[in-house]
C-alpha cells in the first residue's frame, strides 16, 4: 500500500497509508485527512485521489500553491519518491510496494507467454534435431517457461548448440 510521509525539515511527523480507490485531503483545517498546522497552509490546500492504481494530487486553489519536485502544479500524477511541498512541509510519496507487486506480476505473466519462432528458424531447429524436414503449419509456436531444470526447450537448446 502506498505511503505518504509528512516531514518538517528532516523530522518525520507522521505516516499516512493510502489505498487504491481512496482520497486524502490535505490542509490546515482539522477536517482534513492530513492536517498541517501551519499558517502557510490553506484550510483546504490539496487532495490526493486514486484513479485505479494512479495517484493524482490536485491543488485546491491554495494561497501558496502546491509543488511536486520543486515545480508548481495544479494537478499532477504522483510517482514513487515524489516530494510534495506544501508550505514548509514535505510529503514523500512512496509506492515502492506497488511497483514491486507490478514487477512480480509482470514476471509471472512473462512466464506464461508463448514464444513465437520465425518459421524458417523453427524448421532449421527441427531439421538439426531430427534430421528430416518438418511439415508444420507456418505459424508454429513453442511454449517456453523459465525452467532451469532442463525442460523441453533447455534440452533442445543443448542438443543443437551443445
Protein backbone atom coordinates (compact mmCIF):
# COMPACT_ATOMS: atom_id res chain seq x y z
CA UNK A 1 0.00 0.00 0.00
CA UNK A 2 1.41 3.45 -0.88
CA UNK A 3 2.61 5.55 2.00
CA UNK A 4 2.75 9.32 2.40
CA UNK A 5 5.30 10.53 4.93
CA UNK A 6 4.78 14.02 6.34
CA UNK A 7 8.07 15.74 7.18
CA UNK A 8 9.17 19.09 8.53
CA UNK A 9 12.82 19.73 7.72
CA UNK A 10 14.42 16.31 8.36
CA UNK A 11 11.94 15.19 11.01
CA UNK A 12 9.23 12.65 10.19
CA UNK A 13 5.95 13.86 11.72
CA UNK A 14 3.55 11.13 10.64
CA UNK A 15 2.95 8.46 8.01
CA UNK A 16 -0.32 8.06 6.14
CA UNK A 17 -1.13 4.91 4.16
CA UNK A 18 -3.35 5.45 1.13
CA UNK A 19 -5.25 2.64 -0.52
CA UNK A 20 -6.25 2.29 -4.13
CA UNK A 21 -9.67 3.91 -4.51
CA UNK A 22 -9.15 6.24 -1.55
CA UNK A 23 -8.98 10.06 -1.42
CA UNK A 24 -6.94 12.04 1.11
CA UNK A 25 -7.40 15.74 1.78
CA UNK A 26 -4.53 17.93 2.95
CA UNK A 27 -4.80 21.26 4.73
CA UNK A 28 -4.77 23.27 7.93
CA UNK A 29 -8.39 22.52 8.96
CA UNK A 30 -8.93 19.63 11.36
CA UNK A 31 -11.43 18.09 8.92
CA UNK A 32 -8.57 17.09 6.57
CA UNK A 33 -7.08 13.59 6.49
CA UNK A 34 -3.58 15.09 6.63
CA UNK A 35 -3.56 18.12 8.90
CA UNK A 36 -0.64 20.54 8.62
CA UNK A 37 -0.89 23.08 11.41
CA UNK A 38 0.93 25.98 9.76
CA UNK A 39 -0.34 29.39 8.63
CA UNK A 40 1.34 28.98 5.22
CA UNK A 41 -1.02 26.08 4.53
CA UNK A 42 -4.57 26.78 3.33
CA UNK A 43 -7.54 25.33 5.21
CA UNK A 44 -8.28 23.03 2.24
CA UNK A 45 -4.94 23.02 0.44
CA UNK A 46 -4.74 19.90 -1.75
CA UNK A 47 -6.26 16.49 -2.39
CA UNK A 48 -4.79 13.14 -3.45
CA UNK A 49 -7.17 10.96 -5.46
CA UNK A 50 -6.63 7.36 -6.50
CA UNK A 51 -7.76 6.59 -10.03
CA UNK A 52 -7.22 2.88 -10.44
CA UNK A 53 -3.55 2.43 -9.38
CA UNK A 54 -2.64 6.03 -10.27
CA UNK A 55 -2.48 8.69 -7.58
CA UNK A 56 -3.16 12.30 -8.57
CA UNK A 57 -2.52 15.32 -6.36
CA UNK A 58 -4.62 18.41 -7.06
CA UNK A 59 -4.07 21.87 -5.62
CA UNK A 60 -7.38 23.22 -4.30
CA UNK A 61 -6.62 26.83 -5.32
CA UNK A 62 -4.47 27.28 -2.23
CA UNK A 63 -2.90 30.64 -1.44
CA UNK A 64 0.72 29.48 -1.59
CA UNK A 65 0.39 26.66 -4.12
CA UNK A 66 1.42 23.02 -4.17
CA UNK A 67 4.78 21.89 -5.51
CA UNK A 68 5.88 18.46 -6.70
CA UNK A 69 9.63 18.01 -7.01
CA UNK A 70 10.03 21.81 -6.84
CA UNK A 71 7.52 22.50 -9.66
CA UNK A 72 4.29 24.40 -9.06
CA UNK A 73 1.37 22.18 -10.07
CA UNK A 74 -2.38 22.43 -10.35
CA UNK A 75 -2.71 18.65 -10.82
CA UNK A 76 -0.01 16.01 -11.08
CA UNK A 77 0.23 12.20 -11.31
CA UNK A 78 2.43 11.08 -8.43
CA UNK A 79 5.33 8.69 -8.98
CA UNK A 80 7.40 6.79 -6.47
CA UNK A 81 9.62 9.08 -4.36
CA UNK A 82 7.93 12.30 -5.49
CA UNK A 83 8.23 15.05 -2.90
CA UNK A 84 5.19 17.29 -2.46
CA UNK A 85 5.89 20.65 -0.82
CA UNK A 86 3.02 22.34 1.00
CA UNK A 87 4.13 25.42 2.90
CA UNK A 88 7.37 24.37 4.54
CA UNK A 89 6.26 20.74 4.95
CA UNK A 90 7.25 17.90 2.66
CA UNK A 91 5.19 14.86 1.82
CA UNK A 92 7.16 11.91 0.45
CA UNK A 93 5.08 9.65 -1.78
CA UNK A 94 6.30 6.05 -1.55
CA UNK A 95 4.67 3.46 -3.76
CA UNK A 96 7.60 1.06 -3.95
CA UNK A 97 5.48 -1.86 -2.72
CA UNK A 98 3.00 -1.35 -5.60
CA UNK A 99 5.85 -1.19 -8.10
CA UNK A 100 7.35 -4.38 -6.66
CA UNK A 101 3.96 -6.12 -6.92
CA UNK A 102 3.55 -4.91 -10.52
CA UNK A 103 7.04 -6.17 -11.40
CA UNK A 104 6.30 -9.54 -9.78
CA UNK A 105 3.01 -9.84 -11.68
CA UNK A 106 4.71 -8.84 -14.93
CA UNK A 107 7.37 -11.51 -14.38
CA UNK A 108 4.68 -14.13 -13.70
CA UNK A 109 2.83 -13.06 -16.86
CA UNK A 110 6.03 -13.36 -18.92
CA UNK A 111 6.45 -16.98 -17.78
CA UNK A 112 3.02 -17.87 -19.13
CA UNK A 113 3.51 -16.30 -22.56
CA UNK A 114 4.15 -18.29 -25.71
CA UNK A 115 7.26 -17.55 -27.70
CA UNK A 116 6.67 -17.42 -31.46
CA UNK A 117 9.61 -18.57 -33.53
CA UNK A 118 10.25 -17.43 -37.08
CA UNK A 119 9.09 -20.24 -39.40
CA UNK A 120 12.49 -20.65 -41.06
CA UNK A 121 14.29 -20.71 -37.71
CA UNK A 122 11.83 -23.21 -36.31
CA UNK A 123 12.27 -25.54 -39.29
CA UNK A 124 16.06 -25.27 -39.01
CA UNK A 125 15.87 -26.31 -35.35
CA UNK A 126 13.66 -29.27 -36.17
CA UNK A 127 15.91 -30.32 -39.07
CA UNK A 128 19.01 -30.20 -36.86
CA UNK A 129 17.44 -32.30 -34.12
CA UNK A 130 15.55 -34.88 -36.20
CA UNK A 131 17.49 -34.88 -39.45
CA UNK A 132 14.29 -34.63 -41.52
CA UNK A 133 12.15 -31.71 -42.73
CA UNK A 134 9.19 -30.80 -40.53
CA UNK A 135 5.76 -30.41 -42.11
CA UNK A 136 4.15 -27.93 -39.77
CA UNK A 137 1.83 -25.02 -40.20
CA UNK A 138 3.61 -21.70 -40.91
CA UNK A 139 2.62 -20.30 -37.50
CA UNK A 140 4.43 -22.79 -35.32
CA UNK A 141 4.75 -21.92 -31.66
CA UNK A 142 6.73 -23.37 -28.83
CA UNK A 143 5.66 -22.69 -25.25
CA UNK A 144 8.67 -21.67 -23.19
CA UNK A 145 8.84 -21.40 -19.44
CA UNK A 146 11.71 -20.38 -17.20
CA UNK A 147 12.54 -23.99 -16.48
CA UNK A 148 16.14 -24.03 -15.26
CA UNK A 149 15.98 -27.75 -14.50
CA UNK A 150 16.21 -28.85 -18.13
CA UNK A 151 12.71 -28.64 -19.60
CA UNK A 152 12.00 -29.32 -23.27
CA UNK A 153 13.45 -26.07 -24.60
CA UNK A 154 16.57 -26.36 -22.46
CA UNK A 155 17.18 -29.91 -23.68
CA UNK A 156 16.52 -28.87 -27.29
CA UNK A 157 18.92 -25.93 -26.98
CA UNK A 158 21.64 -28.17 -25.52
CA UNK A 159 21.20 -30.76 -28.30
CA UNK A 160 21.51 -28.14 -31.01
CA UNK A 161 24.13 -25.83 -29.59
CA UNK A 162 25.97 -28.13 -27.22
